[in-house]
Amino acid sequence: GVSAAPSRPFVTNMAYKMAKGMMPKISDTERTALACGTVGFDKDIFAGNPSLASLVEKYPLAGLDQLSDEEKSFLDNECNHLCSIIDDYSVVQNADLPPEAWDYMRKEGFFAMKIPKEWGGKGFSTAAVSAVLCKLGSRCSDANATVAVPNSLGPGELLVRYGTPEQQQYFLPRLASGQLIPCFGLTGPHSGSDATSLIGSYGVVEERDGVLGVVATFRKRYITLAPVAGVVGVGLDLRDPNGLLKGKGTEGFTVALLERDHEGLRMGPRHVPLTSAFMNGTVEGDDVWIPMDHLLGGQVRLSLGLGLG
């Protein structure tokens, strides 16, 4: 007779076991990130019964009536003026925003909308930042990208949440005034914007002349604002093979705060992805010495730089 075909559970179980053996184990950082998530509209999509009505009910649209008077004024005045001095065609042709626009964005706090007022920022809500980005995007997508990074990826907001008092006092007023334009180095040649996959970007804890620090090597590319940034937050996979941390801080994902003139830091050359005009480039370094006070939150927050640990 004809032999029965293998049952589906047997085949799928074997395939699952093979795939499981090939895949790397989930790190502690990844487990924490997964635990922080929730199930929302994506559950309805995968279940095959998405409902727009329930989506709107759960996540009501943010109307302009939710903005404060100060936020509305900024949207109607400063934001409108910035749009008026930007010509999208000229921006694309020149591969840059006009100097007048750069100066205006610095002066009027476009790079500091999420920094609290006590540090010189605007202290705007997320809804207000979203409204500003929407309006800028309707005029010039490159202006949108330029303003979006300092108000999302950081390291401004990261400093507000996790920086030491000394780091906050030094960086936040300079970021708020536009003296320093920030960028965030996460994406690399072999890994995307994934804090749990930092291939080629790592730091090893060492001690030099009695000072504890990190020797880091990193390769970052497609970093928005890198060509014009004065400070970069570099994502690193921190390692402590000799146990020098002694329980104060742990291995894992960590952010180093490096100013442009930091010894060993290389900012450039510029990338032009998809012929876009917003500033984009590389951030690299080999065996760069980074003192502990240059790591976001200091030694006690090592591997906790983004709250992922």
C-alpha atoms as a PDB file:
ATOM      1  CA  GLY A   1       0.000   0.000   0.000  1.00  0.00           C
ATOM      2  CA  VAL A   2       0.930   3.695  -0.124  1.00  0.00           C
ATOM      3  CA  SER A   3       2.665   4.946   2.983  1.00  0.00           C
ATOM      4  CA  ALA A   4       1.001   7.816   4.788  1.00  0.00           C
ATOM      5  CA  ALA A   5       2.524  11.258   4.346  1.00  0.00           C
ATOM      6  CA  PRO A   6       4.208  12.679   7.440  1.00  0.00           C
ATOM      7  CA  SER A   7       1.814  14.662   9.568  1.00  0.00           C
ATOM      8  CA  ARG A   8       2.092  18.432   9.446  1.00  0.00           C
ATOM      9  CA  PRO A   9       2.926  18.811  13.155  1.00  0.00           C
ATOM     10  CA  PHE A  10       5.908  16.480  12.763  1.00  0.00           C
ATOM     11  CA  VAL A  11       7.309  18.442   9.798  1.00  0.00           C
ATOM     12  CA  THR A  12       6.700  21.861  11.301  1.00  0.00           C
ATOM     13  CA  ASN A  13       8.109  20.820  14.666  1.00  0.00           C
ATOM     14  CA  MET A  14      11.289  19.563  13.007  1.00  0.00           C
ATOM     15  CA  ALA A  15      11.591  22.775  10.982  1.00  0.00           C
ATOM     16  CA  TYR A  16      11.023  24.854  14.106  1.00  0.00           C
ATOM     17  CA  LYS A  17      13.726  23.002  16.032  1.00  0.00           C
ATOM     18  CA  MET A  18      16.191  23.458  13.174  1.00  0.00           C
ATOM     19  CA  ALA A  19      15.445  27.179  12.921  1.00  0.00           C
ATOM     20  CA  LYS A  20      15.667  27.579  16.703  1.00  0.00           C
ATOM     21  CA  GLY A  21      19.119  26.009  16.725  1.00  0.00           C
ATOM     22  CA  MET A  22      20.338  28.420  14.029  1.00  0.00           C
ATOM     23  CA  MET A  23      18.965  31.604  15.543  1.00  0.00           C
ATOM     24  CA  PRO A  24      20.950  33.548  18.196  1.00  0.00           C
ATOM     25  CA  LYS A  25      19.567  33.662  21.721  1.00  0.00           C
ATOM     26  CA  ILE A  26      17.557  36.671  22.799  1.00  0.00           C
ATOM     27  CA  SER A  27      19.688  38.999  24.902  1.00  0.00           C
ATOM     28  CA  ASP A  28      18.589  40.519  28.216  1.00  0.00           C
ATOM     29  CA  THR A  29      18.196  43.880  26.459  1.00  0.00           C
ATOM     30  CA  GLU A  30      15.935  42.323  23.819  1.00  0.00           C
ATOM     31  CA  ARG A  31      13.834  40.581  26.478  1.00  0.00           C
ATOM     32  CA  THR A  32      13.339  43.874  28.296  1.00  0.00           C
ATOM     33  CA  ALA A  33      12.395  45.645  25.063  1.00  0.00           C
ATOM     34  CA  LEU A  34       9.862  42.935  24.206  1.00  0.00           C
ATOM     35  CA  ALA A  35       8.402  43.064  27.704  1.00  0.00           C
ATOM     36  CA  CYS A  36       7.905  46.827  27.380  1.00  0.00           C
ATOM     37  CA  GLY A  37       5.686  46.422  24.336  1.00  0.00           C
ATOM     38  CA  THR A  38       1.937  45.997  24.181  1.00  0.00           C
ATOM     39  CA  VAL A  39      -0.486  44.495  21.681  1.00  0.00           C
ATOM     40  CA  GLY A  40      -2.668  46.983  19.882  1.00  0.00           C
ATOM     41  CA  PHE A  41      -4.107  47.384  16.402  1.00  0.00           C
ATOM     42  CA  ASP A  42      -1.504  44.938  15.068  1.00  0.00           C
ATOM     43  CA  LYS A  43      -3.348  42.129  16.875  1.00  0.00           C
ATOM     44  CA  ASP A  44      -6.538  42.923  14.947  1.00  0.00           C
ATOM     45  CA  ILE A  45      -4.637  42.950  11.650  1.00  0.00           C
ATOM     46  CA  PHE A  46      -3.080  39.533  12.204  1.00  0.00           C
ATOM     47  CA  ALA A  47      -6.410  38.178  13.459  1.00  0.00           C
ATOM     48  CA  GLY A  48      -7.981  39.254  10.168  1.00  0.00           C
ATOM     49  CA  ASN A  49     -10.606  41.586  11.636  1.00  0.00           C
ATOM     50  CA  PRO A  50      -9.181  45.128  11.809  1.00  0.00           C
ATOM     51  CA  SER A  51     -11.676  47.790  12.811  1.00  0.00           C
ATOM     52  CA  LEU A  52     -11.136  51.436  11.986  1.00  0.00           C
ATOM     53  CA  ALA A  53     -13.826  52.439  14.480  1.00  0.00           C
ATOM     54  CA  SER A  54     -12.074  50.711  17.379  1.00  0.00           C
ATOM     55  CA  LEU A  55      -8.741  52.158  16.266  1.00  0.00           C
ATOM     56  CA  VAL A  56     -10.061  55.727  16.345  1.00  0.00           C
ATOM     57  CA  GLU A  57     -11.774  55.066  19.684  1.00  0.00           C
ATOM     58  CA  LYS A  58      -8.561  53.760  21.259  1.00  0.00           C
ATOM     59  CA  TYR A  59      -6.247  56.329  19.660  1.00  0.00           C
ATOM     60  CA  PRO A  60      -8.241  59.537  19.134  1.00  0.00           C
ATOM     61  CA  LEU A  61      -6.846  61.913  16.550  1.00  0.00           C
ATOM     62  CA  ALA A  62      -4.887  64.775  18.069  1.00  0.00           C
ATOM     63  CA  GLY A  63      -6.586  67.982  16.996  1.00  0.00           C
ATOM     64  CA  LEU A  64      -5.103  71.463  17.158  1.00  0.00           C
ATOM     65  CA  ASP A  65      -7.487  72.180  20.012  1.00  0.00           C
ATOM     66  CA  GLN A  66      -5.249  69.981  22.195  1.00  0.00           C
ATOM     67  CA  LEU A  67      -2.291  72.322  21.709  1.00  0.00           C
ATOM     68  CA  SER A  68      -1.480  75.096  24.143  1.00  0.00           C
ATOM     69  CA  ASP A  69      -1.709  78.733  23.045  1.00  0.00           C
ATOM     70  CA  GLU A  70       2.084  78.892  22.914  1.00  0.00           C
ATOM     71  CA  GLU A  71       2.246  75.795  20.704  1.00  0.00           C
ATOM     72  CA  LYS A  72      -0.458  77.149  18.379  1.00  0.00           C
ATOM     73  CA  SER A  73       1.392  80.445  18.103  1.00  0.00           C
ATOM     74  CA  PHE A  74       4.639  78.684  17.196  1.00  0.00           C
ATOM     75  CA  LEU A  75       2.822  76.648  14.555  1.00  0.00           C
ATOM     76  CA  ASP A  76       1.138  79.721  13.069  1.00  0.00           C
ATOM     77  CA  ASN A  77       4.107  82.079  13.213  1.00  0.00           C
ATOM     78  CA  GLU A  78       7.618  80.599  13.510  1.00  0.00           C
ATOM     79  CA  CYS A  79       6.707  77.450  11.613  1.00  0.00           C
ATOM     80  CA  ASN A  80       4.945  79.371   8.846  1.00  0.00           C
ATOM     81  CA  HIS A  81       7.897  81.736   8.532  1.00  0.00           C
ATOM     82  CA  LEU A  82      10.342  78.853   8.224  1.00  0.00           C
ATOM     83  CA  CYS A  83       8.204  77.365   5.476  1.00  0.00           C
ATOM     84  CA  SER A  84       8.177  80.720   3.683  1.00  0.00           C
ATOM     85  CA  ILE A  85      11.983  80.937   3.468  1.00  0.00           C
ATOM     86  CA  ILE A  86      12.399  77.390   2.135  1.00  0.00           C
ATOM     87  CA  ASP A  87      11.952  76.518  -1.519  1.00  0.00           C
ATOM     88  CA  ASP A  88      11.836  72.754  -1.928  1.00  0.00           C
ATOM     89  CA  TYR A  89      13.154  72.800  -5.505  1.00  0.00           C
ATOM     90  CA  SER A  90      16.159  74.941  -4.553  1.00  0.00           C
ATOM     91  CA  VAL A  91      16.861  72.741  -1.528  1.00  0.00           C
ATOM     92  CA  VAL A  92      17.031  69.645  -3.738  1.00  0.00           C
ATOM     93  CA  GLN A  93      19.146  71.378  -6.380  1.00  0.00           C
ATOM     94  CA  ASN A  94      21.604  72.763  -3.806  1.00  0.00           C
ATOM     95  CA  ALA A  95      21.554  69.593  -1.679  1.00  0.00           C
ATOM     96  CA  ASP A  96      21.122  71.748   1.417  1.00  0.00           C
ATOM     97  CA  LEU A  97      18.758  74.074   3.215  1.00  0.00           C
ATOM     98  CA  PRO A  98      19.543  77.793   2.793  1.00  0.00           C
ATOM     99  CA  PRO A  99      21.818  79.364   5.477  1.00  0.00           C
ATOM    100  CA  GLU A 100      18.920  81.621   6.474  1.00  0.00           C
ATOM    101  CA  ALA A 101      16.832  78.564   7.345  1.00  0.00           C
ATOM    102  CA  TRP A 102      19.622  76.973   9.409  1.00  0.00           C
ATOM    103  CA  ASP A 103      20.099  80.195  11.382  1.00  0.00           C
ATOM    104  CA  TYR A 104      16.365  80.595  11.933  1.00  0.00           C
ATOM    105  CA  MET A 105      15.910  77.019  13.152  1.00  0.00           C
ATOM    106  CA  ARG A 106      18.725  77.487  15.674  1.00  0.00           C
ATOM    107  CA  LYS A 107      17.498  80.877  16.857  1.00  0.00           C
ATOM    108  CA  GLU A 108      13.832  79.932  17.246  1.00  0.00           C
ATOM    109  CA  GLY A 109      14.324  76.595  18.979  1.00  0.00           C
ATOM    110  CA  PHE A 110      13.262  74.180  16.259  1.00  0.00           C
ATOM    111  CA  PHE A 111      15.925  71.771  17.503  1.00  0.00           C
ATOM    112  CA  ALA A 112      14.789  72.047  21.130  1.00  0.00           C
ATOM    113  CA  MET A 113      11.036  71.536  21.075  1.00  0.00           C
ATOM    114  CA  LYS A 114      11.244  68.512  23.422  1.00  0.00           C
ATOM    115  CA  ILE A 115      13.788  70.032  25.818  1.00  0.00           C
ATOM    116  CA  PRO A 116      12.130  71.419  28.990  1.00  0.00           C
ATOM    117  CA  LYS A 117      11.922  75.157  29.476  1.00  0.00           C
ATOM    118  CA  GLU A 118      14.174  75.095  32.540  1.00  0.00           C
ATOM    119  CA  TRP A 119      17.020  74.139  30.194  1.00  0.00           C
ATOM    120  CA  GLY A 120      16.120  76.753  27.596  1.00  0.00           C
ATOM    121  CA  GLY A 121      13.971  74.543  25.369  1.00  0.00           C
ATOM    122  CA  LYS A 122      10.355  74.876  24.261  1.00  0.00           C
ATOM    123  CA  GLY A 123       8.934  72.087  26.412  1.00  0.00           C
ATOM    124  CA  PHE A 124       6.357  71.262  23.732  1.00  0.00           C
ATOM    125  CA  SER A 125       4.065  68.246  23.783  1.00  0.00           C
ATOM    126  CA  THR A 126       4.492  65.356  21.384  1.00  0.00           C
ATOM    127  CA  ALA A 127       1.307  66.462  19.623  1.00  0.00           C
ATOM    128  CA  ALA A 128       2.814  69.902  19.001  1.00  0.00           C
ATOM    129  CA  VAL A 129       6.049  68.459  17.642  1.00  0.00           C
ATOM    130  CA  SER A 130       4.011  66.210  15.353  1.00  0.00           C
ATOM    131  CA  ALA A 131       2.000  69.196  14.088  1.00  0.00           C
ATOM    132  CA  VAL A 132       5.178  71.152  13.340  1.00  0.00           C
ATOM    133  CA  LEU A 133       6.718  68.220  11.477  1.00  0.00           C
ATOM    134  CA  CYS A 134       3.534  67.712   9.468  1.00  0.00           C
ATOM    135  CA  LYS A 135       3.516  71.339   8.366  1.00  0.00           C
ATOM    136  CA  LEU A 136       7.230  71.314   7.512  1.00  0.00           C
ATOM    137  CA  GLY A 137       6.792  68.059   5.600  1.00  0.00           C
ATOM    138  CA  SER A 138       4.079  69.638   3.472  1.00  0.00           C
ATOM    139  CA  ARG A 139       6.604  72.271   2.385  1.00  0.00           C
ATOM    140  CA  CYS A 140       9.922  70.398   2.324  1.00  0.00           C
ATOM    141  CA  SER A 141      10.626  66.820   3.384  1.00  0.00           C
ATOM    142  CA  ASP A 142      14.293  67.651   4.012  1.00  0.00           C
ATOM    143  CA  ALA A 143      13.313  70.348   6.513  1.00  0.00           C
ATOM    144  CA  ASN A 144      11.059  67.814   8.186  1.00  0.00           C
ATOM    145  CA  ALA A 145      13.914  65.301   8.551  1.00  0.00           C
ATOM    146  CA  THR A 146      16.299  67.982   9.807  1.00  0.00           C
ATOM    147  CA  VAL A 147      13.952  69.056  12.597  1.00  0.00           C
ATOM    148  CA  ALA A 148      12.673  65.566  13.410  1.00  0.00           C
ATOM    149  CA  VAL A 149      15.969  64.013  14.527  1.00  0.00           C
ATOM    150  CA  PRO A 150      16.841  66.394  17.404  1.00  0.00           C
ATOM    151  CA  ASN A 151      13.275  66.075  18.667  1.00  0.00           C
ATOM    152  CA  SER A 152      13.037  62.295  18.525  1.00  0.00           C
ATOM    153  CA  LEU A 153      16.253  60.265  18.440  1.00  0.00           C
ATOM    154  CA  GLY A 154      18.103  62.618  20.700  1.00  0.00           C
ATOM    155  CA  PRO A 155      20.322  62.730  22.525  1.00  0.00           C
ATOM    156  CA  GLY A 156      18.406  65.732  23.926  1.00  0.00           C
ATOM    157  CA  GLU A 157      15.423  63.842  25.325  1.00  0.00           C
ATOM    158  CA  LEU A 158      17.692  61.001  26.457  1.00  0.00           C
ATOM    159  CA  LEU A 159      19.741  63.498  28.454  1.00  0.00           C
ATOM    160  CA  VAL A 160      16.573  64.851  30.049  1.00  0.00           C
ATOM    161  CA  ARG A 161      15.513  61.358  31.119  1.00  0.00           C
ATOM    162  CA  TYR A 162      18.792  59.614  31.892  1.00  0.00           C
ATOM    163  CA  GLY A 163      21.657  62.115  31.911  1.00  0.00           C
ATOM    164  CA  THR A 164      23.662  62.909  35.012  1.00  0.00           C
ATOM    165  CA  PRO A 165      23.141  66.403  36.476  1.00  0.00           C
ATOM    166  CA  GLU A 166      26.542  67.406  35.086  1.00  0.00           C
ATOM    167  CA  GLN A 167      25.674  66.122  31.610  1.00  0.00           C
ATOM    168  CA  GLN A 168      22.324  67.898  31.669  1.00  0.00           C
ATOM    169  CA  GLN A 169      23.863  71.160  32.822  1.00  0.00           C
ATOM    170  CA  TYR A 170      26.509  71.058  30.112  1.00  0.00           C
ATOM    171  CA  PHE A 171      24.625  69.767  27.075  1.00  0.00           C
ATOM    172  CA  LEU A 172      20.977  70.804  27.402  1.00  0.00           C
ATOM    173  CA  PRO A 173      21.466  74.606  27.322  1.00  0.00           C
ATOM    174  CA  ARG A 174      23.825  74.227  24.348  1.00  0.00           C
ATOM    175  CA  LEU A 175      21.341  72.009  22.522  1.00  0.00           C
ATOM    176  CA  ALA A 176      18.470  74.361  23.329  1.00  0.00           C
ATOM    177  CA  SER A 177      20.304  77.415  21.978  1.00  0.00           C
ATOM    178  CA  GLY A 178      21.355  75.647  18.790  1.00  0.00           C
ATOM    179  CA  GLN A 179      25.018  75.987  19.683  1.00  0.00           C
ATOM    180  CA  LEU A 180      25.207  72.194  19.381  1.00  0.00           C
ATOM    181  CA  ILE A 181      23.219  70.289  16.780  1.00  0.00           C
ATOM    182  CA  PRO A 182      22.797  66.655  17.840  1.00  0.00           C
ATOM    183  CA  CYS A 183      22.735  63.378  15.973  1.00  0.00           C
ATOM    184  CA  PHE A 184      22.383  59.775  17.055  1.00  0.00           C
ATOM    185  CA  GLY A 185      24.671  57.004  15.805  1.00  0.00           C
ATOM    186  CA  LEU A 186      22.909  53.640  15.711  1.00  0.00           C
ATOM    187  CA  THR A 187      22.778  52.297  12.143  1.00  0.00           C
ATOM    188  CA  GLY A 188      25.909  50.535  10.899  1.00  0.00           C
ATOM    189  CA  PRO A 189      27.100  48.827   7.693  1.00  0.00           C
ATOM    190  CA  HIS A 190      25.777  45.463   8.885  1.00  0.00           C
ATOM    191  CA  SER A 191      22.957  46.450  11.240  1.00  0.00           C
ATOM    192  CA  GLY A 192      20.034  48.816  11.067  1.00  0.00           C
ATOM    193  CA  SER A 193      18.448  51.078  13.659  1.00  0.00           C
ATOM    194  CA  ASP A 194      18.425  48.265  16.188  1.00  0.00           C
ATOM    195  CA  ALA A 195      19.919  48.821  19.627  1.00  0.00           C
ATOM    196  CA  THR A 196      20.189  45.061  20.091  1.00  0.00           C
ATOM    197  CA  SER A 197      22.285  44.452  16.957  1.00  0.00           C
ATOM    198  CA  LEU A 198      25.384  46.617  17.092  1.00  0.00           C
ATOM    199  CA  ILE A 199      27.659  44.672  14.745  1.00  0.00           C
ATOM    200  CA  GLY A 200      31.054  46.366  14.606  1.00  0.00           C
ATOM    201  CA  SER A 201      30.276  48.894  17.355  1.00  0.00           C
ATOM    202  CA  TYR A 202      31.486  47.932  20.805  1.00  0.00           C
ATOM    203  CA  GLY A 203      33.289  49.260  23.840  1.00  0.00           C
ATOM    204  CA  VAL A 204      35.513  47.466  26.336  1.00  0.00           C
ATOM    205  CA  VAL A 205      35.863  48.702  29.914  1.00  0.00           C
ATOM    206  CA  GLU A 206      39.488  49.606  30.731  1.00  0.00           C
ATOM    207  CA  GLU A 207      41.410  51.552  33.324  1.00  0.00           C
ATOM    208  CA  ARG A 208      44.019  54.141  32.354  1.00  0.00           C
ATOM    209  CA  ASP A 209      46.112  56.047  34.877  1.00  0.00           C
ATOM    210  CA  GLY A 210      43.649  55.125  37.582  1.00  0.00           C
ATOM    211  CA  VAL A 211      40.651  56.364  35.560  1.00  0.00           C
ATOM    212  CA  LEU A 212      37.908  53.957  34.508  1.00  0.00           C
ATOM    213  CA  GLY A 213      36.586  54.328  30.990  1.00  0.00           C
ATOM    214  CA  VAL A 214      35.770  52.576  27.747  1.00  0.00           C
ATOM    215  CA  VAL A 215      37.867  51.932  24.649  1.00  0.00           C
ATOM    216  CA  ALA A 216      35.416  51.918  21.748  1.00  0.00           C
ATOM    217  CA  THR A 217      35.467  51.008  18.073  1.00  0.00           C
ATOM    218  CA  PHE A 218      32.431  51.821  15.980  1.00  0.00           C
ATOM    219  CA  ARG A 219      31.204  52.064  12.424  1.00  0.00           C
ATOM    220  CA  LYS A 220      28.029  54.080  11.821  1.00  0.00           C
ATOM    221  CA  ARG A 221      26.509  55.155   8.537  1.00  0.00           C
ATOM    222  CA  TYR A 222      23.402  56.958   7.284  1.00  0.00           C
ATOM    223  CA  ILE A 223      23.423  59.096  10.438  1.00  0.00           C
ATOM    224  CA  THR A 224      21.109  62.053   9.908  1.00  0.00           C
ATOM    225  CA  LEU A 225      22.711  65.440  10.718  1.00  0.00           C
ATOM    226  CA  ALA A 226      26.178  63.890  11.245  1.00  0.00           C
ATOM    227  CA  PRO A 227      27.906  66.302   8.815  1.00  0.00           C
ATOM    228  CA  VAL A 228      26.737  69.335  10.822  1.00  0.00           C
ATOM    229  CA  ALA A 229      26.348  67.848  14.317  1.00  0.00           C
ATOM    230  CA  GLY A 230      28.337  69.155  17.254  1.00  0.00           C
ATOM    231  CA  VAL A 231      27.573  66.164  19.482  1.00  0.00           C
ATOM    232  CA  VAL A 232      26.713  62.559  18.691  1.00  0.00           C
ATOM    233  CA  GLY A 233      25.185  59.854  20.841  1.00  0.00           C
ATOM    234  CA  VAL A 234      26.977  56.657  19.793  1.00  0.00           C
ATOM    235  CA  GLY A 235      25.266  53.346  20.500  1.00  0.00           C
ATOM    236  CA  LEU A 236      27.730  50.716  21.746  1.00  0.00           C
ATOM    237  CA  ASP A 237      27.686  47.114  22.866  1.00  0.00           C
ATOM    238  CA  LEU A 238      29.525  47.430  26.185  1.00  0.00           C
ATOM    239  CA  ARG A 239      31.753  44.579  27.352  1.00  0.00           C
ATOM    240  CA  ASP A 240      33.534  44.132  30.679  1.00  0.00           C
ATOM    241  CA  PRO A 241      35.719  41.013  30.276  1.00  0.00           C
ATOM    242  CA  ASN A 242      37.888  41.834  33.291  1.00  0.00           C
ATOM    243  CA  GLY A 243      35.066  42.641  35.702  1.00  0.00           C
ATOM    244  CA  LEU A 244      36.218  46.229  36.270  1.00  0.00           C
ATOM    245  CA  LEU A 245      32.680  47.525  36.773  1.00  0.00           C
ATOM    246  CA  LYS A 246      32.391  45.492  39.976  1.00  0.00           C
ATOM    247  CA  GLY A 247      28.609  45.515  39.975  1.00  0.00           C
ATOM    248  CA  LYS A 248      28.245  49.246  39.310  1.00  0.00           C
ATOM    249  CA  GLY A 249      26.675  49.213  35.873  1.00  0.00           C
ATOM    250  CA  THR A 250      26.391  46.201  33.584  1.00  0.00           C
ATOM    251  CA  GLU A 251      27.308  45.055  30.102  1.00  0.00           C
ATOM    252  CA  GLY A 252      24.932  45.710  27.227  1.00  0.00           C
ATOM    253  CA  PHE A 253      23.646  48.594  25.144  1.00  0.00           C
ATOM    254  CA  THR A 254      25.179  51.916  26.169  1.00  0.00           C
ATOM    255  CA  VAL A 255      25.282  55.430  24.685  1.00  0.00           C
ATOM    256  CA  ALA A 256      28.459  57.511  24.562  1.00  0.00           C
ATOM    257  CA  LEU A 257      28.154  61.312  24.301  1.00  0.00           C
ATOM    258  CA  LEU A 258      30.948  62.581  22.076  1.00  0.00           C
ATOM    259  CA  GLU A 259      31.492  66.106  20.873  1.00  0.00           C
ATOM    260  CA  ARG A 260      32.754  66.620  17.354  1.00  0.00           C
ATOM    261  CA  ASP A 261      36.333  67.351  18.420  1.00  0.00           C
ATOM    262  CA  HIS A 262      36.606  64.245  20.629  1.00  0.00           C
ATOM    263  CA  GLU A 263      39.968  62.604  19.990  1.00  0.00           C
ATOM    264  CA  GLY A 264      39.653  59.705  17.539  1.00  0.00           C
ATOM    265  CA  LEU A 265      36.102  60.559  16.417  1.00  0.00           C
ATOM    266  CA  ARG A 266      35.643  60.822  12.638  1.00  0.00           C
ATOM    267  CA  MET A 267      32.516  62.557  11.307  1.00  0.00           C
ATOM    268  CA  GLY A 268      32.135  62.113   7.558  1.00  0.00           C
ATOM    269  CA  PRO A 269      31.998  61.765   4.630  1.00  0.00           C
ATOM    270  CA  ARG A 270      28.486  62.845   3.735  1.00  0.00           C
ATOM    271  CA  HIS A 271      25.947  60.446   2.234  1.00  0.00           C
ATOM    272  CA  VAL A 272      23.196  61.557  -0.149  1.00  0.00           C
ATOM    273  CA  PRO A 273      20.578  58.793   0.134  1.00  0.00           C
ATOM    274  CA  LEU A 274      17.995  58.842  -2.652  1.00  0.00           C
ATOM    275  CA  THR A 275      19.361  62.288  -3.671  1.00  0.00           C
ATOM    276  CA  SER A 276      17.796  63.747  -0.521  1.00  0.00           C
ATOM    277  CA  ALA A 277      19.205  67.051   0.663  1.00  0.00           C
ATOM    278  CA  PHE A 278      19.057  66.551   4.433  1.00  0.00           C
ATOM    279  CA  MET A 279      22.458  66.113   6.073  1.00  0.00           C
ATOM    280  CA  ASN A 280      23.490  62.476   6.397  1.00  0.00           C
ATOM    281  CA  GLY A 281      26.861  60.832   6.905  1.00  0.00           C
ATOM    282  CA  THR A 282      29.179  58.465   8.733  1.00  0.00           C
ATOM    283  CA  VAL A 283      30.367  58.362  12.334  1.00  0.00           C
ATOM    284  CA  GLU A 284      33.434  56.208  12.980  1.00  0.00           C
ATOM    285  CA  GLY A 285      36.209  55.609  15.477  1.00  0.00           C
ATOM    286  CA  ASP A 286      38.941  53.083  16.292  1.00  0.00           C
ATOM    287  CA  ASP A 287      40.104  52.450  19.855  1.00  0.00           C
ATOM    288  CA  VAL A 288      38.568  55.722  21.040  1.00  0.00           C
ATOM    289  CA  TRP A 289      39.113  56.413  24.737  1.00  0.00           C
ATOM    290  CA  ILE A 290      35.867  57.470  26.437  1.00  0.00           C
ATOM    291  CA  PRO A 291      35.881  58.405  30.146  1.00  0.00           C
ATOM    292  CA  MET A 292      32.948  57.161  32.216  1.00  0.00           C
ATOM    293  CA  ASP A 293      31.494  60.652  32.572  1.00  0.00           C
ATOM    294  CA  HIS A 294      31.045  60.727  28.768  1.00  0.00           C
ATOM    295  CA  LEU A 295      28.633  57.777  28.902  1.00  0.00           C
ATOM    296  CA  LEU A 296      24.950  58.616  29.151  1.00  0.00           C
ATOM    297  CA  GLY A 297      23.943  58.509  32.807  1.00  0.00           C
ATOM    298  CA  GLY A 298      27.486  57.707  33.974  1.00  0.00           C
ATOM    299  CA  GLN A 299      28.691  54.334  35.194  1.00  0.00           C
ATOM    300  CA  VAL A 300      25.597  53.535  37.262  1.00  0.00           C
ATOM    301  CA  ARG A 301      23.422  53.572  34.109  1.00  0.00           C
ATOM    302  CA  LEU A 302      25.662  51.498  31.882  1.00  0.00           C
ATOM    303  CA  SER A 303      23.481  49.294  29.653  1.00  0.00           C
ATOM    304  CA  LEU A 304      20.472  51.354  30.809  1.00  0.00           C
ATOM    305  CA  GLY A 305      21.090  54.294  28.433  1.00  0.00           C
ATOM    306  CA  LEU A 306      17.698  54.006  26.746  1.00  0.00           C
ATOM    307  CA  GLY A 307      15.847  52.447  29.633  1.00  0.00           C
ATOM    308  CA  LEU A 308      16.381  49.024  28.098  1.00  0.00           C
ATOM    309  CA  GLY A 309      17.690  47.147  31.051  1.00  0.00           C
END
